[in-house]
Amino acid sequence: MSAKPGVSVVIPAKNEEKSIGKCIEKIQRVFTEHHTDGEIIIADNSTDNTPEIAKSLGAKVIVPDEHGYGNAYRFGFEHASGDYVVM
């Protein structure tokens, strides 16, 4: 059983395959540099390779129940388990 993360980072995404990897890697670097246990949640409605890239880098990928930026955040927050949520 893994410990509860201190921080959850929620990112809404739609067809971000060109940039999602860099974003996830930067967040992971911050976690490492600050000795922070965190999770990255991608609320994704893509038709490209965004979810595959995100999963391959260790992010949790969820598919919101409704389309839209606000709904992506809401759904991501519902799946966040960290003590703090960053958007």
PDB file of N, CA and C in Angstrom:
ATOM      1  N   MET A   1       0.850  -1.186   0.000  1.00  0.00           N
ATOM      2  CA  MET A   1       0.000   0.000   0.000  1.00  0.00           C
ATOM      3  C   MET A   1       0.889   1.242   0.000  1.00  0.00           C
ATOM      4  N   SER A   2       0.665   2.144  -0.931  1.00  0.00           N
ATOM      5  CA  SER A   2       1.477   3.347  -1.016  1.00  0.00           C
ATOM      6  C   SER A   2       0.901   4.436  -0.116  1.00  0.00           C
ATOM      7  N   ALA A   3       1.768   5.343   0.312  1.00  0.00           N
ATOM      8  CA  ALA A   3       1.365   6.441   1.171  1.00  0.00           C
ATOM      9  C   ALA A   3       0.556   7.459   0.379  1.00  0.00           C
ATOM     10  N   LYS A   4      -0.261   8.190   1.093  1.00  0.00           N
ATOM     11  CA  LYS A   4      -1.046   9.255   0.475  1.00  0.00           C
ATOM     12  C   LYS A   4      -0.094  10.357   0.010  1.00  0.00           C
ATOM     13  N   PRO A   5      -0.258  10.835  -1.229  1.00  0.00           N
ATOM     14  CA  PRO A   5       0.634  11.897  -1.713  1.00  0.00           C
ATOM     15  C   PRO A   5       0.375  13.209  -0.981  1.00  0.00           C
ATOM     16  N   GLY A   6       1.430  14.009  -0.853  1.00  0.00           N
ATOM     17  CA  GLY A   6       1.278  15.313  -0.242  1.00  0.00           C
ATOM     18  C   GLY A   6       0.616  16.301  -1.176  1.00  0.00           C
ATOM     19  N   VAL A   7       0.876  16.139  -2.479  1.00  0.00           N
ATOM     20  CA  VAL A   7       0.388  17.085  -3.476  1.00  0.00           C
ATOM     21  C   VAL A   7      -0.212  16.337  -4.665  1.00  0.00           C
ATOM     22  N   SER A   8      -1.342  16.816  -5.127  1.00  0.00           N
ATOM     23  CA  SER A   8      -1.939  16.329  -6.372  1.00  0.00           C
ATOM     24  C   SER A   8      -1.927  17.485  -7.361  1.00  0.00           C
ATOM     25  N   VAL A   9      -1.363  17.249  -8.537  1.00  0.00           N
ATOM     26  CA  VAL A   9      -1.371  18.247  -9.603  1.00  0.00           C
ATOM     27  C   VAL A   9      -2.389  17.782 -10.636  1.00  0.00           C
ATOM     28  N   VAL A  10      -3.386  18.608 -10.901  1.00  0.00           N
ATOM     29  CA  VAL A  10      -4.453  18.269 -11.845  1.00  0.00           C
ATOM     30  C   VAL A  10      -4.270  19.103 -13.120  1.00  0.00           C
ATOM     31  N   ILE A  11      -4.216  18.402 -14.244  1.00  0.00           N
ATOM     32  CA  ILE A  11      -4.032  19.062 -15.534  1.00  0.00           C
ATOM     33  C   ILE A  11      -5.131  18.613 -16.489  1.00  0.00           C
ATOM     34  N   PRO A  12      -5.970  19.545 -16.969  1.00  0.00           N
ATOM     35  CA  PRO A  12      -6.928  19.180 -18.016  1.00  0.00           C
ATOM     36  C   PRO A  12      -6.176  19.108 -19.345  1.00  0.00           C
ATOM     37  N   ALA A  13      -6.530  18.161 -20.192  1.00  0.00           N
ATOM     38  CA  ALA A  13      -5.809  18.015 -21.459  1.00  0.00           C
ATOM     39  C   ALA A  13      -6.754  17.594 -22.576  1.00  0.00           C
ATOM     40  N   LYS A  14      -6.460  18.118 -23.749  1.00  0.00           N
ATOM     41  CA  LYS A  14      -7.155  17.691 -24.959  1.00  0.00           C
ATOM     42  C   LYS A  14      -6.183  17.883 -26.120  1.00  0.00           C
ATOM     43  N   ASN A  15      -5.697  16.773 -26.630  1.00  0.00           N
ATOM     44  CA  ASN A  15      -4.779  16.767 -27.779  1.00  0.00           C
ATOM     45  C   ASN A  15      -3.516  17.593 -27.507  1.00  0.00           C
ATOM     46  N   GLU A  16      -2.816  17.208 -26.462  1.00  0.00           N
ATOM     47  CA  GLU A  16      -1.601  17.905 -26.017  1.00  0.00           C
ATOM     48  C   GLU A  16      -0.349  17.056 -26.212  1.00  0.00           C
ATOM     49  N   GLU A  17      -0.356  16.147 -27.186  1.00  0.00           N
ATOM     50  CA  GLU A  17       0.755  15.206 -27.313  1.00  0.00           C
ATOM     51  C   GLU A  17       2.108  15.881 -27.527  1.00  0.00           C
ATOM     52  N   LYS A  18       2.140  17.083 -28.048  1.00  0.00           N
ATOM     53  CA  LYS A  18       3.419  17.760 -28.290  1.00  0.00           C
ATOM     54  C   LYS A  18       4.011  18.371 -27.024  1.00  0.00           C
ATOM     55  N   SER A  19       3.195  18.583 -26.000  1.00  0.00           N
ATOM     56  CA  SER A  19       3.711  19.260 -24.808  1.00  0.00           C
ATOM     57  C   SER A  19       3.484  18.528 -23.492  1.00  0.00           C
ATOM     58  N   ILE A  20       2.611  17.538 -23.451  1.00  0.00           N
ATOM     59  CA  ILE A  20       2.269  16.910 -22.170  1.00  0.00           C
ATOM     60  C   ILE A  20       3.477  16.257 -21.509  1.00  0.00           C
ATOM     61  N   GLY A  21       4.346  15.665 -22.288  1.00  0.00           N
ATOM     62  CA  GLY A  21       5.528  15.014 -21.719  1.00  0.00           C
ATOM     63  C   GLY A  21       6.423  15.997 -20.996  1.00  0.00           C
ATOM     64  N   LYS A  22       6.677  17.148 -21.607  1.00  0.00           N
ATOM     65  CA  LYS A  22       7.518  18.171 -20.977  1.00  0.00           C
ATOM     66  C   LYS A  22       6.881  18.677 -19.691  1.00  0.00           C
ATOM     67  N   CYS A  23       5.571  18.864 -19.692  1.00  0.00           N
ATOM     68  CA  CYS A  23       4.872  19.335 -18.493  1.00  0.00           C
ATOM     69  C   CYS A  23       5.001  18.334 -17.347  1.00  0.00           C
ATOM     70  N   ILE A  24       4.770  17.079 -17.644  1.00  0.00           N
ATOM     71  CA  ILE A  24       4.859  16.038 -16.616  1.00  0.00           C
ATOM     72  C   ILE A  24       6.283  15.938 -16.088  1.00  0.00           C
ATOM     73  N   GLU A  25       7.262  15.964 -16.964  1.00  0.00           N
ATOM     74  CA  GLU A  25       8.656  15.868 -16.536  1.00  0.00           C
ATOM     75  C   GLU A  25       9.055  17.048 -15.654  1.00  0.00           C
ATOM     76  N   LYS A  26       8.575  18.249 -15.959  1.00  0.00           N
ATOM     77  CA  LYS A  26       8.879  19.420 -15.129  1.00  0.00           C
ATOM     78  C   LYS A  26       8.271  19.279 -13.743  1.00  0.00           C
ATOM     79  N   ILE A  27       7.046  18.802 -13.671  1.00  0.00           N
ATOM     80  CA  ILE A  27       6.387  18.599 -12.377  1.00  0.00           C
ATOM     81  C   ILE A  27       7.139  17.548 -11.572  1.00  0.00           C
ATOM     82  N   GLN A  28       7.511  16.453 -12.202  1.00  0.00           N
ATOM     83  CA  GLN A  28       8.266  15.407 -11.514  1.00  0.00           C
ATOM     84  C   GLN A  28       9.598  15.935 -11.000  1.00  0.00           C
ATOM     85  N   ARG A  29      10.236  16.795 -11.771  1.00  0.00           N
ATOM     86  CA  ARG A  29      11.505  17.394 -11.352  1.00  0.00           C
ATOM     87  C   ARG A  29      11.306  18.250 -10.087  1.00  0.00           C
ATOM     88  N   VAL A  30      10.223  19.012 -10.044  1.00  0.00           N
ATOM     89  CA  VAL A  30       9.919  19.817  -8.858  1.00  0.00           C
ATOM     90  C   VAL A  30       9.668  18.907  -7.662  1.00  0.00           C
ATOM     91  N   PHE A  31       8.910  17.842  -7.844  1.00  0.00           N
ATOM     92  CA  PHE A  31       8.687  16.888  -6.756  1.00  0.00           C
ATOM     93  C   PHE A  31      10.023  16.377  -6.218  1.00  0.00           C
ATOM     94  N   THR A  32      10.915  15.995  -7.102  1.00  0.00           N
ATOM     95  CA  THR A  32      12.219  15.449  -6.707  1.00  0.00           C
ATOM     96  C   THR A  32      13.061  16.501  -5.995  1.00  0.00           C
ATOM     97  N   GLU A  33      13.161  17.678  -6.580  1.00  0.00           N
ATOM     98  CA  GLU A  33      13.993  18.742  -6.004  1.00  0.00           C
ATOM     99  C   GLU A  33      13.517  19.169  -4.620  1.00  0.00           C
ATOM    100  N   HIS A  34      12.222  19.086  -4.380  1.00  0.00           N
ATOM    101  CA  HIS A  34      11.660  19.522  -3.101  1.00  0.00           C
ATOM    102  C   HIS A  34      11.293  18.346  -2.196  1.00  0.00           C
ATOM    103  N   HIS A  35      11.748  17.154  -2.567  1.00  0.00           N
ATOM    104  CA  HIS A  35      11.502  15.947  -1.766  1.00  0.00           C
ATOM    105  C   HIS A  35      10.016  15.831  -1.402  1.00  0.00           C
ATOM    106  N   THR A  36       9.181  15.980  -2.414  1.00  0.00           N
ATOM    107  CA  THR A  36       7.730  15.965  -2.245  1.00  0.00           C
ATOM    108  C   THR A  36       7.137  14.724  -2.889  1.00  0.00           C
ATOM    109  N   ASP A  37       6.297  14.048  -2.139  1.00  0.00           N
ATOM    110  CA  ASP A  37       5.561  12.909  -2.682  1.00  0.00           C
ATOM    111  C   ASP A  37       4.302  13.467  -3.338  1.00  0.00           C
ATOM    112  N   GLY A  38       4.191  13.294  -4.643  1.00  0.00           N
ATOM    113  CA  GLY A  38       3.039  13.849  -5.337  1.00  0.00           C
ATOM    114  C   GLY A  38       2.520  12.956  -6.432  1.00  0.00           C
ATOM    115  N   GLU A  39       1.339  13.289  -6.895  1.00  0.00           N
ATOM    116  CA  GLU A  39       0.730  12.580  -8.010  1.00  0.00           C
ATOM    117  C   GLU A  39       0.349  13.597  -9.075  1.00  0.00           C
ATOM    118  N   ILE A  40       0.347  13.136 -10.311  1.00  0.00           N
ATOM    119  CA  ILE A  40      -0.058  13.974 -11.438  1.00  0.00           C
ATOM    120  C   ILE A  40      -1.278  13.324 -12.065  1.00  0.00           C
ATOM    121  N   ILE A  41      -2.352  14.081 -12.124  1.00  0.00           N
ATOM    122  CA  ILE A  41      -3.611  13.587 -12.678  1.00  0.00           C
ATOM    123  C   ILE A  41      -3.904  14.360 -13.958  1.00  0.00           C
ATOM    124  N   ILE A  42      -4.047  13.627 -15.051  1.00  0.00           N
ATOM    125  CA  ILE A  42      -4.389  14.222 -16.329  1.00  0.00           C
ATOM    126  C   ILE A  42      -5.855  13.910 -16.605  1.00  0.00           C
ATOM    127  N   ALA A  43      -6.689  14.954 -16.628  1.00  0.00           N
ATOM    128  CA  ALA A  43      -8.105  14.799 -16.967  1.00  0.00           C
ATOM    129  C   ALA A  43      -8.190  14.992 -18.476  1.00  0.00           C
ATOM    130  N   ASP A  44      -8.343  13.903 -19.197  1.00  0.00           N
ATOM    131  CA  ASP A  44      -8.080  13.894 -20.634  1.00  0.00           C
ATOM    132  C   ASP A  44      -9.284  13.533 -21.496  1.00  0.00           C
ATOM    133  N   ASN A  45      -9.488  14.327 -22.531  1.00  0.00           N
ATOM    134  CA  ASN A  45     -10.490  14.044 -23.563  1.00  0.00           C
ATOM    135  C   ASN A  45      -9.843  14.117 -24.937  1.00  0.00           C
ATOM    136  N   SER A  46      -8.676  13.526 -25.094  1.00  0.00           N
ATOM    137  CA  SER A  46      -7.911  13.624 -26.334  1.00  0.00           C
ATOM    138  C   SER A  46      -8.280  12.559 -27.344  1.00  0.00           C
ATOM    139  N   THR A  47      -7.984  12.894 -28.600  1.00  0.00           N
ATOM    140  CA  THR A  47      -8.104  11.915 -29.682  1.00  0.00           C
ATOM    141  C   THR A  47      -6.721  11.601 -30.255  1.00  0.00           C
ATOM    142  N   ASP A  48      -5.671  12.180 -29.653  1.00  0.00           N
ATOM    143  CA  ASP A  48      -4.305  11.907 -30.100  1.00  0.00           C
ATOM    144  C   ASP A  48      -3.613  10.999 -29.075  1.00  0.00           C
ATOM    145  N   ASN A  49      -2.305  11.040 -28.990  1.00  0.00           N
ATOM    146  CA  ASN A  49      -1.546  10.158 -28.095  1.00  0.00           C
ATOM    147  C   ASN A  49      -1.287  10.729 -26.711  1.00  0.00           C
ATOM    148  N   THR A  50      -1.971  11.793 -26.353  1.00  0.00           N
ATOM    149  CA  THR A  50      -1.768  12.411 -25.041  1.00  0.00           C
ATOM    150  C   THR A  50      -1.886  11.408 -23.891  1.00  0.00           C
ATOM    151  N   PRO A  51      -2.953  10.605 -23.816  1.00  0.00           N
ATOM    152  CA  PRO A  51      -3.072   9.713 -22.656  1.00  0.00           C
ATOM    153  C   PRO A  51      -1.969   8.660 -22.591  1.00  0.00           C
ATOM    154  N   GLU A  52      -1.556   8.142 -23.735  1.00  0.00           N
ATOM    155  CA  GLU A  52      -0.490   7.131 -23.744  1.00  0.00           C
ATOM    156  C   GLU A  52       0.831   7.728 -23.261  1.00  0.00           C
ATOM    157  N   ILE A  53       1.131   8.935 -23.702  1.00  0.00           N
ATOM    158  CA  ILE A  53       2.361   9.602 -23.279  1.00  0.00           C
ATOM    159  C   ILE A  53       2.311   9.858 -21.776  1.00  0.00           C
ATOM    160  N   ALA A  54       1.197  10.377 -21.302  1.00  0.00           N
ATOM    161  CA  ALA A  54       1.056  10.678 -19.877  1.00  0.00           C
ATOM    162  C   ALA A  54       1.199   9.417 -19.019  1.00  0.00           C
ATOM    163  N   LYS A  55       0.537   8.353 -19.408  1.00  0.00           N
ATOM    164  CA  LYS A  55       0.635   7.093 -18.660  1.00  0.00           C
ATOM    165  C   LYS A  55       2.059   6.558 -18.659  1.00  0.00           C
ATOM    166  N   SER A  56       2.745   6.667 -19.789  1.00  0.00           N
ATOM    167  CA  SER A  56       4.107   6.140 -19.881  1.00  0.00           C
ATOM    168  C   SER A  56       5.065   6.884 -18.957  1.00  0.00           C
ATOM    169  N   LEU A  57       4.709   8.110 -18.587  1.00  0.00           N
ATOM    170  CA  LEU A  57       5.535   8.913 -17.688  1.00  0.00           C
ATOM    171  C   LEU A  57       5.063   8.829 -16.236  1.00  0.00           C
ATOM    172  N   GLY A  58       4.084   7.982 -15.983  1.00  0.00           N
ATOM    173  CA  GLY A  58       3.644   7.742 -14.613  1.00  0.00           C
ATOM    174  C   GLY A  58       2.471   8.567 -14.135  1.00  0.00           C
ATOM    175  N   ALA A  59       1.871   9.357 -15.001  1.00  0.00           N
ATOM    176  CA  ALA A  59       0.702  10.149 -14.602  1.00  0.00           C
ATOM    177  C   ALA A  59      -0.535   9.257 -14.557  1.00  0.00           C
ATOM    178  N   LYS A  60      -1.460   9.638 -13.717  1.00  0.00           N
ATOM    179  CA  LYS A  60      -2.759   8.973 -13.658  1.00  0.00           C
ATOM    180  C   LYS A  60      -3.651   9.669 -14.670  1.00  0.00           C
ATOM    181  N   VAL A  61      -4.203   8.930 -15.618  1.00  0.00           N
ATOM    182  CA  VAL A  61      -5.049   9.512 -16.654  1.00  0.00           C
ATOM    183  C   VAL A  61      -6.491   9.104 -16.393  1.00  0.00           C
ATOM    184  N   ILE A  62      -7.357  10.106 -16.342  1.00  0.00           N
ATOM    185  CA  ILE A  62      -8.787   9.864 -16.152  1.00  0.00           C
ATOM    186  C   ILE A  62      -9.539  10.545 -17.277  1.00  0.00           C
ATOM    187  N   VAL A  63     -10.718  10.046 -17.599  1.00  0.00           N
ATOM    188  CA  VAL A  63     -11.548  10.630 -18.654  1.00  0.00           C
ATOM    189  C   VAL A  63     -12.767  11.258 -17.980  1.00  0.00           C
ATOM    190  N   PRO A  64     -12.859  12.600 -18.024  1.00  0.00           N
ATOM    191  CA  PRO A  64     -13.994  13.273 -17.390  1.00  0.00           C
ATOM    192  C   PRO A  64     -15.333  12.794 -17.939  1.00  0.00           C
ATOM    193  N   ASP A  65     -16.349  12.859 -17.095  1.00  0.00           N
ATOM    194  CA  ASP A  65     -17.681  12.398 -17.478  1.00  0.00           C
ATOM    195  C   ASP A  65     -18.389  13.378 -18.413  1.00  0.00           C
ATOM    196  N   GLU A  66     -17.882  14.621 -18.514  1.00  0.00           N
ATOM    197  CA  GLU A  66     -18.433  15.620 -19.424  1.00  0.00           C
ATOM    198  C   GLU A  66     -17.287  16.405 -20.033  1.00  0.00           C
ATOM    199  N   HIS A  67     -17.502  16.964 -21.215  1.00  0.00           N
ATOM    200  CA  HIS A  67     -16.482  17.784 -21.866  1.00  0.00           C
ATOM    201  C   HIS A  67     -16.442  19.175 -21.238  1.00  0.00           C
ATOM    202  N   GLY A  68     -15.346  19.864 -21.459  1.00  0.00           N
ATOM    203  CA  GLY A  68     -15.208  21.236 -20.993  1.00  0.00           C
ATOM    204  C   GLY A  68     -14.107  21.385 -19.965  1.00  0.00           C
ATOM    205  N   TYR A  69     -13.492  22.550 -19.986  1.00  0.00           N
ATOM    206  CA  TYR A  69     -12.359  22.868 -19.109  1.00  0.00           C
ATOM    207  C   TYR A  69     -12.733  22.765 -17.628  1.00  0.00           C
ATOM    208  N   GLY A  70     -13.842  23.380 -17.258  1.00  0.00           N
ATOM    209  CA  GLY A  70     -14.290  23.343 -15.867  1.00  0.00           C
ATOM    210  C   GLY A  70     -14.610  21.938 -15.405  1.00  0.00           C
ATOM    211  N   ASN A  71     -15.269  21.171 -16.269  1.00  0.00           N
ATOM    212  CA  ASN A  71     -15.604  19.793 -15.919  1.00  0.00           C
ATOM    213  C   ASN A  71     -14.355  18.939 -15.763  1.00  0.00           C
ATOM    214  N   ALA A  72     -13.334  19.207 -16.584  1.00  0.00           N
ATOM    215  CA  ALA A  72     -12.081  18.460 -16.471  1.00  0.00           C
ATOM    216  C   ALA A  72     -11.452  18.703 -15.101  1.00  0.00           C
ATOM    217  N   TYR A  73     -11.414  19.951 -14.672  1.00  0.00           N
ATOM    218  CA  TYR A  73     -10.876  20.246 -13.339  1.00  0.00           C
ATOM    219  C   TYR A  73     -11.711  19.599 -12.243  1.00  0.00           C
ATOM    220  N   ARG A  74     -13.028  19.745 -12.317  1.00  0.00           N
ATOM    221  CA  ARG A  74     -13.916  19.169 -11.295  1.00  0.00           C
ATOM    222  C   ARG A  74     -13.674  17.668 -11.161  1.00  0.00           C
ATOM    223  N   PHE A  75     -13.616  16.994 -12.300  1.00  0.00           N
ATOM    224  CA  PHE A  75     -13.417  15.550 -12.294  1.00  0.00           C
ATOM    225  C   PHE A  75     -12.033  15.205 -11.750  1.00  0.00           C
ATOM    226  N   GLY A  76     -11.035  15.984 -12.136  1.00  0.00           N
ATOM    227  CA  GLY A  76      -9.686  15.771 -11.618  1.00  0.00           C
ATOM    228  C   GLY A  76      -9.615  15.949 -10.115  1.00  0.00           C
ATOM    229  N   PHE A  77     -10.272  16.981  -9.591  1.00  0.00           N
ATOM    230  CA  PHE A  77     -10.282  17.219  -8.146  1.00  0.00           C
ATOM    231  C   PHE A  77     -10.928  16.055  -7.406  1.00  0.00           C
ATOM    232  N   GLU A  78     -11.969  15.483  -7.995  1.00  0.00           N
ATOM    233  CA  GLU A  78     -12.643  14.338  -7.365  1.00  0.00           C
ATOM    234  C   GLU A  78     -11.715  13.137  -7.253  1.00  0.00           C
ATOM    235  N   HIS A  79     -10.733  13.025  -8.139  1.00  0.00           N
ATOM    236  CA  HIS A  79      -9.811  11.894  -8.139  1.00  0.00           C
ATOM    237  C   HIS A  79      -8.500  12.184  -7.420  1.00  0.00           C
ATOM    238  N   ALA A  80      -8.318  13.420  -6.983  1.00  0.00           N
ATOM    239  CA  ALA A  80      -7.089  13.803  -6.293  1.00  0.00           C
ATOM    240  C   ALA A  80      -7.099  13.266  -4.872  1.00  0.00           C
ATOM    241  N   SER A  81      -5.963  12.756  -4.422  1.00  0.00           N
ATOM    242  CA  SER A  81      -5.884  12.234  -3.066  1.00  0.00           C
ATOM    243  C   SER A  81      -4.833  12.932  -2.211  1.00  0.00           C
ATOM    244  N   GLY A  82      -4.183  13.953  -2.757  1.00  0.00           N
ATOM    245  CA  GLY A  82      -3.149  14.667  -2.017  1.00  0.00           C
ATOM    246  C   GLY A  82      -3.728  15.586  -0.947  1.00  0.00           C
ATOM    247  N   ASP A  83      -2.857  15.958  -0.003  1.00  0.00           N
ATOM    248  CA  ASP A  83      -3.263  16.914   1.023  1.00  0.00           C
ATOM    249  C   ASP A  83      -3.512  18.289   0.408  1.00  0.00           C
ATOM    250  N   TYR A  84      -2.781  18.585  -0.658  1.00  0.00           N
ATOM    251  CA  TYR A  84      -2.926  19.848  -1.378  1.00  0.00           C
ATOM    252  C   TYR A  84      -3.166  19.532  -2.854  1.00  0.00           C
ATOM    253  N   VAL A  85      -3.981  20.379  -3.498  1.00  0.00           N
ATOM    254  CA  VAL A  85      -4.274  20.209  -4.916  1.00  0.00           C
ATOM    255  C   VAL A  85      -3.766  21.453  -5.654  1.00  0.00           C
ATOM    256  N   VAL A  86      -3.003  21.215  -6.704  1.00  0.00           N
ATOM    257  CA  VAL A  86      -2.439  22.292  -7.518  1.00  0.00           C
ATOM    258  C   VAL A  86      -3.032  22.192  -8.909  1.00  0.00           C
ATOM    259  N   MET A  87      -3.391  23.353  -9.444  1.00  0.00           N
ATOM    260  CA  MET A  87      -3.921  23.385 -10.803  1.00  0.00           C
ATOM    261  C   MET A  87      -3.108  24.316 -11.655  1.00  0.00           C
TER     262      MET A  87
END
